[in-house]
């Protein structure tokens, strides 16, 4: 299993927008069965706003599909909500995780 860490940040005043977008995205783009939550999603209060964070697991053979999914899903938020940013990271203990170093995440998009 490879762990994928997701971090998102957004302004406090955008929290209602993020909640509404979540409902929209969840219906249109639900989690595929190859991605399993490893830790519950949590939202944190920070000096600059809110931070959401969670870890997910995928089989090594599903790594590219997992990254592709998160890039597409989180881009939907970033394009719709001013100030929304995200980060996708993978466990350094895996060769596929190390592949993310120095790469633009768009390189992991699978053509539709």
PDB file of N, CA and C in Angstrom:
ATOM      1  N   UNK A   1       0.843  -1.195   0.000  1.00  0.00           N
ATOM      2  CA  UNK A   1       0.000   0.000   0.000  1.00  0.00           C
ATOM      3  C   UNK A   1       0.879   1.246   0.000  1.00  0.00           C
ATOM      4  N   UNK A   2       0.407   2.243  -0.719  1.00  0.00           N
ATOM      5  CA  UNK A   2       1.076   3.538  -0.741  1.00  0.00           C
ATOM      6  C   UNK A   2       0.136   4.542  -0.083  1.00  0.00           C
ATOM      7  N   UNK A   3       0.674   5.340   0.812  1.00  0.00           N
ATOM      8  CA  UNK A   3      -0.122   6.385   1.446  1.00  0.00           C
ATOM      9  C   UNK A   3       0.019   7.685   0.674  1.00  0.00           C
ATOM     10  N   UNK A   4      -1.116   8.337   0.475  1.00  0.00           N
ATOM     11  CA  UNK A   4      -1.160   9.637  -0.195  1.00  0.00           C
ATOM     12  C   UNK A   4      -1.689  10.636   0.813  1.00  0.00           C
ATOM     13  N   UNK A   5      -0.939  11.707   1.004  1.00  0.00           N
ATOM     14  CA  UNK A   5      -1.314  12.769   1.938  1.00  0.00           C
ATOM     15  C   UNK A   5      -1.910  13.929   1.150  1.00  0.00           C
ATOM     16  N   UNK A   6      -3.066  14.386   1.596  1.00  0.00           N
ATOM     17  CA  UNK A   6      -3.726  15.525   0.970  1.00  0.00           C
ATOM     18  C   UNK A   6      -3.794  16.649   2.001  1.00  0.00           C
ATOM     19  N   UNK A   7      -3.338  17.825   1.613  1.00  0.00           N
ATOM     20  CA  UNK A   7      -3.484  19.041   2.406  1.00  0.00           C
ATOM     21  C   UNK A   7      -4.185  20.073   1.548  1.00  0.00           C
ATOM     22  N   UNK A   8      -5.152  20.767   2.131  1.00  0.00           N
ATOM     23  CA  UNK A   8      -5.810  21.876   1.438  1.00  0.00           C
ATOM     24  C   UNK A   8      -5.857  23.071   2.374  1.00  0.00           C
ATOM     25  N   UNK A   9      -5.850  24.266   1.804  1.00  0.00           N
ATOM     26  CA  UNK A   9      -5.951  25.497   2.577  1.00  0.00           C
ATOM     27  C   UNK A   9      -6.963  26.408   1.912  1.00  0.00           C
ATOM     28  N   UNK A  10      -7.697  27.141   2.726  1.00  0.00           N
ATOM     29  CA  UNK A  10      -8.633  28.116   2.173  1.00  0.00           C
ATOM     30  C   UNK A  10      -8.994  29.135   3.255  1.00  0.00           C
ATOM     31  N   UNK A  11      -9.415  30.334   2.832  1.00  0.00           N
ATOM     32  CA  UNK A  11      -9.798  31.377   3.789  1.00  0.00           C
ATOM     33  C   UNK A  11     -11.038  30.964   4.587  1.00  0.00           C
ATOM     34  N   UNK A  12     -11.103  31.388   5.834  1.00  0.00           N
ATOM     35  CA  UNK A  12     -12.234  31.067   6.706  1.00  0.00           C
ATOM     36  C   UNK A  12     -13.556  31.483   6.060  1.00  0.00           C
ATOM     37  N   UNK A  13     -13.567  32.644   5.442  1.00  0.00           N
ATOM     38  CA  UNK A  13     -14.812  33.153   4.857  1.00  0.00           C
ATOM     39  C   UNK A  13     -15.282  32.326   3.654  1.00  0.00           C
ATOM     40  N   UNK A  14     -14.464  31.401   3.190  1.00  0.00           N
ATOM     41  CA  UNK A  14     -14.840  30.542   2.063  1.00  0.00           C
ATOM     42  C   UNK A  14     -15.336  29.171   2.524  1.00  0.00           C
ATOM     43  N   UNK A  15     -15.461  28.955   3.835  1.00  0.00           N
ATOM     44  CA  UNK A  15     -15.829  27.623   4.328  1.00  0.00           C
ATOM     45  C   UNK A  15     -17.206  27.180   3.841  1.00  0.00           C
ATOM     46  N   UNK A  16     -18.169  28.092   3.757  1.00  0.00           N
ATOM     47  CA  UNK A  16     -19.489  27.720   3.219  1.00  0.00           C
ATOM     48  C   UNK A  16     -19.379  27.304   1.752  1.00  0.00           C
ATOM     49  N   UNK A  17     -18.558  28.030   0.994  1.00  0.00           N
ATOM     50  CA  UNK A  17     -18.350  27.683  -0.421  1.00  0.00           C
ATOM     51  C   UNK A  17     -17.711  26.303  -0.559  1.00  0.00           C
ATOM     52  N   UNK A  18     -16.753  25.998   0.325  1.00  0.00           N
ATOM     53  CA  UNK A  18     -16.096  24.692   0.285  1.00  0.00           C
ATOM     54  C   UNK A  18     -17.110  23.592   0.605  1.00  0.00           C
ATOM     55  N   UNK A  19     -17.959  23.813   1.592  1.00  0.00           N
ATOM     56  CA  UNK A  19     -18.987  22.837   1.943  1.00  0.00           C
ATOM     57  C   UNK A  19     -19.954  22.577   0.803  1.00  0.00           C
ATOM     58  N   UNK A  20     -20.395  23.643   0.151  1.00  0.00           N
ATOM     59  CA  UNK A  20     -21.304  23.494  -0.992  1.00  0.00           C
ATOM     60  C   UNK A  20     -20.613  22.774  -2.152  1.00  0.00           C
ATOM     61  N   UNK A  21     -19.356  23.135  -2.384  1.00  0.00           N
ATOM     62  CA  UNK A  21     -18.604  22.499  -3.471  1.00  0.00           C
ATOM     63  C   UNK A  21     -18.395  21.022  -3.170  1.00  0.00           C
ATOM     64  N   UNK A  22     -18.178  20.684  -1.905  1.00  0.00           N
ATOM     65  CA  UNK A  22     -18.012  19.278  -1.527  1.00  0.00           C
ATOM     66  C   UNK A  22     -19.232  18.455  -1.945  1.00  0.00           C
ATOM     67  N   UNK A  23     -20.415  18.947  -1.646  1.00  0.00           N
ATOM     68  CA  UNK A  23     -21.632  18.218  -2.005  1.00  0.00           C
ATOM     69  C   UNK A  23     -21.741  18.042  -3.518  1.00  0.00           C
ATOM     70  N   UNK A  24     -21.401  19.075  -4.247  1.00  0.00           N
ATOM     71  CA  UNK A  24     -21.446  19.034  -5.712  1.00  0.00           C
ATOM     72  C   UNK A  24     -20.416  18.044  -6.266  1.00  0.00           C
ATOM     73  N   UNK A  25     -19.188  18.144  -5.768  1.00  0.00           N
ATOM     74  CA  UNK A  25     -18.108  17.285  -6.262  1.00  0.00           C
ATOM     75  C   UNK A  25     -18.363  15.831  -5.885  1.00  0.00           C
ATOM     76  N   UNK A  26     -18.841  15.602  -4.681  1.00  0.00           N
ATOM     77  CA  UNK A  26     -19.075  14.232  -4.219  1.00  0.00           C
ATOM     78  C   UNK A  26     -20.094  13.513  -5.100  1.00  0.00           C
ATOM     79  N   UNK A  27     -21.107  14.222  -5.551  1.00  0.00           N
ATOM     80  CA  UNK A  27     -22.103  13.599  -6.431  1.00  0.00           C
ATOM     81  C   UNK A  27     -21.545  13.344  -7.829  1.00  0.00           C
ATOM     82  N   UNK A  28     -20.780  14.291  -8.332  1.00  0.00           N
ATOM     83  CA  UNK A  28     -20.270  14.184  -9.696  1.00  0.00           C
ATOM     84  C   UNK A  28     -18.997  13.345  -9.796  1.00  0.00           C
ATOM     85  N   UNK A  29     -18.243  13.268  -8.699  1.00  0.00           N
ATOM     86  CA  UNK A  29     -16.904  12.689  -8.751  1.00  0.00           C
ATOM     87  C   UNK A  29     -16.608  11.929  -7.462  1.00  0.00           C
ATOM     88  N   UNK A  30     -17.379  10.872  -7.164  1.00  0.00           N
ATOM     89  CA  UNK A  30     -17.181  10.143  -5.898  1.00  0.00           C
ATOM     90  C   UNK A  30     -15.847   9.387  -5.864  1.00  0.00           C
ATOM     91  N   UNK A  31     -15.416   9.051  -4.661  1.00  0.00           N
ATOM     92  CA  UNK A  31     -14.169   8.301  -4.499  1.00  0.00           C
ATOM     93  C   UNK A  31     -14.267   6.947  -5.196  1.00  0.00           C
ATOM     94  N   UNK A  32     -13.244   6.595  -5.985  1.00  0.00           N
ATOM     95  CA  UNK A  32     -13.234   5.268  -6.601  1.00  0.00           C
ATOM     96  C   UNK A  32     -12.893   4.214  -5.546  1.00  0.00           C
ATOM     97  N   UNK A  33     -13.289   2.978  -5.766  1.00  0.00           N
ATOM     98  CA  UNK A  33     -13.045   1.935  -4.769  1.00  0.00           C
ATOM     99  C   UNK A  33     -11.562   1.636  -4.518  1.00  0.00           C
ATOM    100  N   UNK A  34     -10.671   2.073  -5.405  1.00  0.00           N
ATOM    101  CA  UNK A  34      -9.242   1.783  -5.202  1.00  0.00           C
ATOM    102  C   UNK A  34      -8.611   2.688  -4.140  1.00  0.00           C
ATOM    103  N   UNK A  35      -9.306   3.760  -3.737  1.00  0.00           N
ATOM    104  CA  UNK A  35      -8.779   4.683  -2.726  1.00  0.00           C
ATOM    105  C   UNK A  35      -9.493   4.437  -1.407  1.00  0.00           C
ATOM    106  N   UNK A  36      -8.705   4.193  -0.374  1.00  0.00           N
ATOM    107  CA  UNK A  36      -9.257   3.936   0.962  1.00  0.00           C
ATOM    108  C   UNK A  36      -8.742   4.993   1.933  1.00  0.00           C
ATOM    109  N   UNK A  37      -9.620   5.611   2.730  1.00  0.00           N
ATOM    110  CA  UNK A  37      -9.145   6.549   3.755  1.00  0.00           C
ATOM    111  C   UNK A  37      -8.287   5.801   4.783  1.00  0.00           C
ATOM    112  N   UNK A  38      -7.124   6.349   5.095  1.00  0.00           N
ATOM    113  CA  UNK A  38      -6.250   5.768   6.121  1.00  0.00           C
ATOM    114  C   UNK A  38      -6.437   6.476   7.454  1.00  0.00           C
ATOM    115  N   UNK A  39      -6.802   7.760   7.393  1.00  0.00           N
ATOM    116  CA  UNK A  39      -7.109   8.544   8.594  1.00  0.00           C
ATOM    117  C   UNK A  39      -8.343   9.380   8.279  1.00  0.00           C
ATOM    118  N   UNK A  40      -9.109   9.716   9.294  1.00  0.00           N
ATOM    119  CA  UNK A  40     -10.270  10.580   9.045  1.00  0.00           C
ATOM    120  C   UNK A  40      -9.821  11.969   8.577  1.00  0.00           C
ATOM    121  N   UNK A  41     -10.615  12.560   7.706  1.00  0.00           N
ATOM    122  CA  UNK A  41     -10.353  13.931   7.259  1.00  0.00           C
ATOM    123  C   UNK A  41     -10.563  14.873   8.435  1.00  0.00           C
ATOM    124  N   UNK A  42      -9.648  15.808   8.611  1.00  0.00           N
ATOM    125  CA  UNK A  42      -9.784  16.796   9.675  1.00  0.00           C
ATOM    126  C   UNK A  42      -9.556  18.183   9.110  1.00  0.00           C
ATOM    127  N   UNK A  43     -10.199  19.153   9.721  1.00  0.00           N
ATOM    128  CA  UNK A  43      -9.993  20.549   9.357  1.00  0.00           C
ATOM    129  C   UNK A  43      -9.401  21.259  10.559  1.00  0.00           C
ATOM    130  N   UNK A  44      -8.385  22.053  10.290  1.00  0.00           N
ATOM    131  CA  UNK A  44      -7.614  22.718  11.339  1.00  0.00           C
ATOM    132  C   UNK A  44      -7.701  24.230  11.189  1.00  0.00           C
ATOM    133  N   UNK A  45      -7.743  24.932  12.319  1.00  0.00           N
ATOM    134  CA  UNK A  45      -7.679  26.394  12.328  1.00  0.00           C
ATOM    135  C   UNK A  45      -6.208  26.795  12.316  1.00  0.00           C
ATOM    136  N   UNK A  46      -5.849  27.692  11.395  1.00  0.00           N
ATOM    137  CA  UNK A  46      -4.468  28.176  11.314  1.00  0.00           C
ATOM    138  C   UNK A  46      -4.469  29.705  11.296  1.00  0.00           C
ATOM    139  N   UNK A  47      -3.305  30.276  11.396  1.00  0.00           N
ATOM    140  CA  UNK A  47      -3.160  31.729  11.388  1.00  0.00           C
ATOM    141  C   UNK A  47      -3.726  32.356  10.109  1.00  0.00           C
ATOM    142  N   UNK A  48      -3.608  31.638   8.985  1.00  0.00           N
ATOM    143  CA  UNK A  48      -4.016  32.206   7.698  1.00  0.00           C
ATOM    144  C   UNK A  48      -5.364  31.693   7.194  1.00  0.00           C
ATOM    145  N   UNK A  49      -6.045  30.859   7.963  1.00  0.00           N
ATOM    146  CA  UNK A  49      -7.340  30.341   7.528  1.00  0.00           C
ATOM    147  C   UNK A  49      -7.536  28.921   7.990  1.00  0.00           C
ATOM    148  N   UNK A  50      -8.175  28.130   7.151  1.00  0.00           N
ATOM    149  CA  UNK A  50      -8.459  26.738   7.484  1.00  0.00           C
ATOM    150  C   UNK A  50      -7.585  25.805   6.656  1.00  0.00           C
ATOM    151  N   UNK A  51      -7.231  24.685   7.273  1.00  0.00           N
ATOM    152  CA  UNK A  51      -6.434  23.662   6.598  1.00  0.00           C
ATOM    153  C   UNK A  51      -7.149  22.333   6.777  1.00  0.00           C
ATOM    154  N   UNK A  52      -7.380  21.641   5.667  1.00  0.00           N
ATOM    155  CA  UNK A  52      -7.932  20.291   5.713  1.00  0.00           C
ATOM    156  C   UNK A  52      -6.829  19.312   5.400  1.00  0.00           C
ATOM    157  N   UNK A  53      -6.880  18.146   6.057  1.00  0.00           N
ATOM    158  CA  UNK A  53      -5.817  17.181   5.855  1.00  0.00           C
ATOM    159  C   UNK A  53      -6.340  15.764   6.061  1.00  0.00           C
ATOM    160  N   UNK A  54      -5.845  14.850   5.262  1.00  0.00           N
ATOM    161  CA  UNK A  54      -6.182  13.448   5.405  1.00  0.00           C
ATOM    162  C   UNK A  54      -5.192  12.587   4.649  1.00  0.00           C
ATOM    163  N   UNK A  55      -5.125  11.325   5.036  1.00  0.00           N
ATOM    164  CA  UNK A  55      -4.280  10.380   4.309  1.00  0.00           C
ATOM    165  C   UNK A  55      -5.149   9.263   3.761  1.00  0.00           C
ATOM    166  N   UNK A  56      -4.732   8.781   2.613  1.00  0.00           N
ATOM    167  CA  UNK A  56      -5.470   7.754   1.891  1.00  0.00           C
ATOM    168  C   UNK A  56      -4.486   6.681   1.448  1.00  0.00           C
ATOM    169  N   UNK A  57      -4.986   5.485   1.206  1.00  0.00           N
ATOM    170  CA  UNK A  57      -4.138   4.390   0.759  1.00  0.00           C
ATOM    171  C   UNK A  57      -4.617   3.847  -0.583  1.00  0.00           C
ATOM    172  N   UNK A  58      -3.634   3.503  -1.403  1.00  0.00           N
ATOM    173  CA  UNK A  58      -3.905   2.825  -2.666  1.00  0.00           C
ATOM    174  C   UNK A  58      -2.882   1.704  -2.826  1.00  0.00           C
ATOM    175  N   UNK A  59      -3.261   0.684  -3.541  1.00  0.00           N
ATOM    176  CA  UNK A  59      -2.294  -0.356  -3.897  1.00  0.00           C
ATOM    177  C   UNK A  59      -1.276   0.269  -4.846  1.00  0.00           C
ATOM    178  N   UNK A  60      -0.074  -0.267  -4.835  1.00  0.00           N
ATOM    179  CA  UNK A  60       0.971   0.276  -5.712  1.00  0.00           C
ATOM    180  C   UNK A  60       0.525   0.299  -7.165  1.00  0.00           C
ATOM    181  N   UNK A  61      -0.208  -0.718  -7.586  1.00  0.00           N
ATOM    182  CA  UNK A  61      -0.673  -0.784  -8.981  1.00  0.00           C
ATOM    183  C   UNK A  61      -1.715   0.292  -9.304  1.00  0.00           C
ATOM    184  N   UNK A  62      -2.321   0.895  -8.267  1.00  0.00           N
ATOM    185  CA  UNK A  62      -3.348   1.924  -8.471  1.00  0.00           C
ATOM    186  C   UNK A  62      -2.849   3.337  -8.163  1.00  0.00           C
ATOM    187  N   UNK A  63      -1.540   3.480  -7.958  1.00  0.00           N
ATOM    188  CA  UNK A  63      -0.978   4.771  -7.566  1.00  0.00           C
ATOM    189  C   UNK A  63      -1.320   5.879  -8.562  1.00  0.00           C
ATOM    190  N   UNK A  64      -1.070   5.640  -9.834  1.00  0.00           N
ATOM    191  CA  UNK A  64      -1.322   6.675 -10.849  1.00  0.00           C
ATOM    192  C   UNK A  64      -2.799   7.042 -10.888  1.00  0.00           C
ATOM    193  N   UNK A  65      -3.681   6.057 -10.771  1.00  0.00           N
ATOM    194  CA  UNK A  65      -5.116   6.336 -10.747  1.00  0.00           C
ATOM    195  C   UNK A  65      -5.482   7.190  -9.538  1.00  0.00           C
ATOM    196  N   UNK A  66      -4.880   6.904  -8.390  1.00  0.00           N
ATOM    197  CA  UNK A  66      -5.143   7.683  -7.182  1.00  0.00           C
ATOM    198  C   UNK A  66      -4.696   9.130  -7.319  1.00  0.00           C
ATOM    199  N   UNK A  67      -3.495   9.337  -7.828  1.00  0.00           N
ATOM    200  CA  UNK A  67      -2.989  10.701  -8.019  1.00  0.00           C
ATOM    201  C   UNK A  67      -3.851  11.433  -9.040  1.00  0.00           C
ATOM    202  N   UNK A  68      -4.162  10.791 -10.136  1.00  0.00           N
ATOM    203  CA  UNK A  68      -5.020  11.370 -11.163  1.00  0.00           C
ATOM    204  C   UNK A  68      -6.343  11.820 -10.552  1.00  0.00           C
ATOM    205  N   UNK A  69      -6.943  10.966  -9.738  1.00  0.00           N
ATOM    206  CA  UNK A  69      -8.224  11.290  -9.106  1.00  0.00           C
ATOM    207  C   UNK A  69      -8.099  12.540  -8.229  1.00  0.00           C
ATOM    208  N   UNK A  70      -7.100  12.578  -7.365  1.00  0.00           N
ATOM    209  CA  UNK A  70      -6.975  13.718  -6.458  1.00  0.00           C
ATOM    210  C   UNK A  70      -6.649  15.011  -7.199  1.00  0.00           C
ATOM    211  N   UNK A  71      -5.816  14.951  -8.222  1.00  0.00           N
ATOM    212  CA  UNK A  71      -5.522  16.157  -9.003  1.00  0.00           C
ATOM    213  C   UNK A  71      -6.807  16.695  -9.619  1.00  0.00           C
ATOM    214  N   UNK A  72      -7.585  15.837 -10.241  1.00  0.00           N
ATOM    215  CA  UNK A  72      -8.832  16.280 -10.883  1.00  0.00           C
ATOM    216  C   UNK A  72      -9.838  16.799  -9.849  1.00  0.00           C
ATOM    217  N   UNK A  73     -10.012  16.080  -8.766  1.00  0.00           N
ATOM    218  CA  UNK A  73     -10.996  16.467  -7.745  1.00  0.00           C
ATOM    219  C   UNK A  73     -10.619  17.797  -7.087  1.00  0.00           C
ATOM    220  N   UNK A  74      -9.379  17.918  -6.658  1.00  0.00           N
ATOM    221  CA  UNK A  74      -8.976  19.125  -5.942  1.00  0.00           C
ATOM    222  C   UNK A  74      -8.878  20.334  -6.869  1.00  0.00           C
ATOM    223  N   UNK A  75      -8.591  20.112  -8.136  1.00  0.00           N
ATOM    224  CA  UNK A  75      -8.579  21.212  -9.101  1.00  0.00           C
ATOM    225  C   UNK A  75      -9.975  21.794  -9.252  1.00  0.00           C
ATOM    226  N   UNK A  76     -11.002  20.963  -9.104  1.00  0.00           N
ATOM    227  CA  UNK A  76     -12.378  21.463  -9.184  1.00  0.00           C
ATOM    228  C   UNK A  76     -12.625  22.505  -8.084  1.00  0.00           C
ATOM    229  N   UNK A  77     -12.114  22.266  -6.903  1.00  0.00           N
ATOM    230  CA  UNK A  77     -12.243  23.229  -5.807  1.00  0.00           C
ATOM    231  C   UNK A  77     -11.416  24.483  -6.099  1.00  0.00           C
ATOM    232  N   UNK A  78     -10.160  24.276  -6.486  1.00  0.00           N
ATOM    233  CA  UNK A  78      -9.251  25.403  -6.698  1.00  0.00           C
ATOM    234  C   UNK A  78      -9.741  26.342  -7.797  1.00  0.00           C
ATOM    235  N   UNK A  79     -10.368  25.788  -8.820  1.00  0.00           N
ATOM    236  CA  UNK A  79     -10.876  26.623  -9.912  1.00  0.00           C
ATOM    237  C   UNK A  79     -12.148  27.372  -9.520  1.00  0.00           C
ATOM    238  N   UNK A  80     -12.888  26.866  -8.551  1.00  0.00           N
ATOM    239  CA  UNK A  80     -14.172  27.466  -8.183  1.00  0.00           C
ATOM    240  C   UNK A  80     -14.095  28.387  -6.965  1.00  0.00           C
ATOM    241  N   UNK A  81     -13.065  28.220  -6.126  1.00  0.00           N
ATOM    242  CA  UNK A  81     -13.017  28.946  -4.856  1.00  0.00           C
ATOM    243  C   UNK A  81     -11.730  29.751  -4.767  1.00  0.00           C
ATOM    244  N   UNK A  82     -11.876  31.056  -4.737  1.00  0.00           N
ATOM    245  CA  UNK A  82     -10.731  31.954  -4.643  1.00  0.00           C
ATOM    246  C   UNK A  82      -9.983  31.714  -3.324  1.00  0.00           C
ATOM    247  N   UNK A  83      -8.690  31.469  -3.407  1.00  0.00           N
ATOM    248  CA  UNK A  83      -7.869  31.260  -2.229  1.00  0.00           C
ATOM    249  C   UNK A  83      -7.702  29.800  -1.831  1.00  0.00           C
ATOM    250  N   UNK A  84      -8.348  28.887  -2.542  1.00  0.00           N
ATOM    251  CA  UNK A  84      -8.234  27.454  -2.248  1.00  0.00           C
ATOM    252  C   UNK A  84      -6.948  26.922  -2.872  1.00  0.00           C
ATOM    253  N   UNK A  85      -6.127  26.281  -2.051  1.00  0.00           N
ATOM    254  CA  UNK A  85      -4.883  25.680  -2.539  1.00  0.00           C
ATOM    255  C   UNK A  85      -4.828  24.241  -2.054  1.00  0.00           C
ATOM    256  N   UNK A  86      -4.066  23.422  -2.755  1.00  0.00           N
ATOM    257  CA  UNK A  86      -3.918  22.039  -2.301  1.00  0.00           C
ATOM    258  C   UNK A  86      -2.516  21.513  -2.566  1.00  0.00           C
ATOM    259  N   UNK A  87      -2.212  20.449  -1.840  1.00  0.00           N
ATOM    260  CA  UNK A  87      -0.933  19.754  -1.976  1.00  0.00           C
ATOM    261  C   UNK A  87      -1.219  18.254  -1.936  1.00  0.00           C
ATOM    262  N   UNK A  88      -0.546  17.524  -2.797  1.00  0.00           N
ATOM    263  CA  UNK A  88      -0.653  16.076  -2.819  1.00  0.00           C
ATOM    264  C   UNK A  88       0.759  15.531  -2.622  1.00  0.00           C
ATOM    265  N   UNK A  89       0.903  14.653  -1.640  1.00  0.00           N
ATOM    266  CA  UNK A  89       2.214  14.071  -1.359  1.00  0.00           C
ATOM    267  C   UNK A  89       2.041  12.562  -1.202  1.00  0.00           C
ATOM    268  N   UNK A  90       3.125  11.845  -1.426  1.00  0.00           N
ATOM    269  CA  UNK A  90       3.084  10.391  -1.264  1.00  0.00           C
ATOM    270  C   UNK A  90       4.259   9.951  -0.412  1.00  0.00           C
ATOM    271  N   UNK A  91       4.103   8.812   0.201  1.00  0.00           N
ATOM    272  CA  UNK A  91       5.122   8.280   1.096  1.00  0.00           C
ATOM    273  C   UNK A  91       6.466   8.150   0.391  1.00  0.00           C
ATOM    274  N   UNK A  92       7.484   8.721   1.003  1.00  0.00           N
ATOM    275  CA  UNK A  92       8.839   8.673   0.465  1.00  0.00           C
ATOM    276  C   UNK A  92       9.417   7.258   0.545  1.00  0.00           C
ATOM    277  N   UNK A  93       8.795   6.414   1.352  1.00  0.00           N
ATOM    278  CA  UNK A  93       9.303   5.046   1.516  1.00  0.00           C
ATOM    279  C   UNK A  93       8.984   4.154   0.323  1.00  0.00           C
ATOM    280  N   UNK A  94       8.284   4.698  -0.671  1.00  0.00           N
ATOM    281  CA  UNK A  94       7.959   3.912  -1.858  1.00  0.00           C
ATOM    282  C   UNK A  94       8.573   4.546  -3.097  1.00  0.00           C
ATOM    283  N   UNK A  95       8.954   3.715  -4.037  1.00  0.00           N
ATOM    284  CA  UNK A  95       9.537   4.224  -5.277  1.00  0.00           C
ATOM    285  C   UNK A  95       8.541   5.099  -6.030  1.00  0.00           C
ATOM    286  N   UNK A  96       7.290   4.673  -6.089  1.00  0.00           N
ATOM    287  CA  UNK A  96       6.287   5.465  -6.806  1.00  0.00           C
ATOM    288  C   UNK A  96       6.047   6.793  -6.094  1.00  0.00           C
ATOM    289  N   UNK A  97       6.086   6.801  -4.777  1.00  0.00           N
ATOM    290  CA  UNK A  97       5.933   8.045  -4.030  1.00  0.00           C
ATOM    291  C   UNK A  97       7.059   9.019  -4.340  1.00  0.00           C
ATOM    292  N   UNK A  98       8.267   8.506  -4.438  1.00  0.00           N
ATOM    293  CA  UNK A  98       9.420   9.363  -4.755  1.00  0.00           C
ATOM    294  C   UNK A  98       9.301   9.965  -6.150  1.00  0.00           C
ATOM    295  N   UNK A  99       8.495   9.353  -7.015  1.00  0.00           N
ATOM    296  CA  UNK A  99       8.292   9.883  -8.378  1.00  0.00           C
ATOM    297  C   UNK A  99       7.665  11.275  -8.374  1.00  0.00           C
ATOM    298  N   UNK A 100       7.025  11.660  -7.275  1.00  0.00           N
ATOM    299  CA  UNK A 100       6.388  12.981  -7.221  1.00  0.00           C
ATOM    300  C   UNK A 100       7.393  14.114  -7.042  1.00  0.00           C
ATOM    301  N   UNK A 101       8.589  13.798  -6.568  1.00  0.00           N
ATOM    302  CA  UNK A 101       9.591  14.838  -6.282  1.00  0.00           C
ATOM    303  C   UNK A 101       9.923  15.598  -7.565  1.00  0.00           C
ATOM    304  N   UNK A 102       9.748  16.900  -7.506  1.00  0.00           N
ATOM    305  CA  UNK A 102      10.112  17.769  -8.614  1.00  0.00           C
ATOM    306  C   UNK A 102       9.178  17.715  -9.820  1.00  0.00           C
ATOM    307  N   UNK A 103       8.054  17.035  -9.694  1.00  0.00           N
ATOM    308  CA  UNK A 103       7.148  16.911 -10.831  1.00  0.00           C
ATOM    309  C   UNK A 103       5.936  17.816 -10.672  1.00  0.00           C
ATOM    310  N   UNK A 104       5.427  18.270 -11.796  1.00  0.00           N
ATOM    311  CA  UNK A 104       4.155  18.958 -11.836  1.00  0.00           C
ATOM    312  C   UNK A 104       3.084  17.875 -11.815  1.00  0.00           C
ATOM    313  N   UNK A 105       2.112  18.011 -10.930  1.00  0.00           N
ATOM    314  CA  UNK A 105       1.096  16.960 -10.780  1.00  0.00           C
ATOM    315  C   UNK A 105       0.316  16.700 -12.065  1.00  0.00           C
ATOM    316  N   UNK A 106       0.265  17.683 -12.962  1.00  0.00           N
ATOM    317  CA  UNK A 106      -0.459  17.458 -14.231  1.00  0.00           C
ATOM    318  C   UNK A 106       0.192  16.341 -15.042  1.00  0.00           C
ATOM    319  N   UNK A 107       1.457  16.021 -14.746  1.00  0.00           N
ATOM    320  CA  UNK A 107       2.121  14.925 -15.442  1.00  0.00           C
ATOM    321  C   UNK A 107       1.484  13.586 -15.107  1.00  0.00           C
ATOM    322  N   UNK A 108       0.709  13.535 -14.024  1.00  0.00           N
ATOM    323  CA  UNK A 108       0.097  12.289 -13.593  1.00  0.00           C
ATOM    324  C   UNK A 108      -1.359  12.157 -14.044  1.00  0.00           C
ATOM    325  N   UNK A 109      -1.829  13.128 -14.816  1.00  0.00           N
ATOM    326  CA  UNK A 109      -3.208  13.034 -15.320  1.00  0.00           C
ATOM    327  C   UNK A 109      -3.312  11.952 -16.380  1.00  0.00           C
ATOM    328  N   UNK A 110      -4.298  11.116 -16.237  1.00  0.00           N
ATOM    329  CA  UNK A 110      -4.550  10.053 -17.201  1.00  0.00           C
ATOM    330  C   UNK A 110      -5.554  10.604 -18.221  1.00  0.00           C
ATOM    331  N   UNK A 111      -5.249  10.526 -19.503  1.00  0.00           N
ATOM    332  CA  UNK A 111      -6.195  11.051 -20.507  1.00  0.00           C
ATOM    333  C   UNK A 111      -7.559  10.391 -20.363  1.00  0.00           C
ATOM    334  N   UNK A 112      -8.604  11.199 -20.520  1.00  0.00           N
ATOM    335  CA  UNK A 112      -9.970  10.666 -20.414  1.00  0.00           C
ATOM    336  C   UNK A 112     -10.431  10.082 -21.713  1.00  0.00           C
TER     337      UNK A 112
END
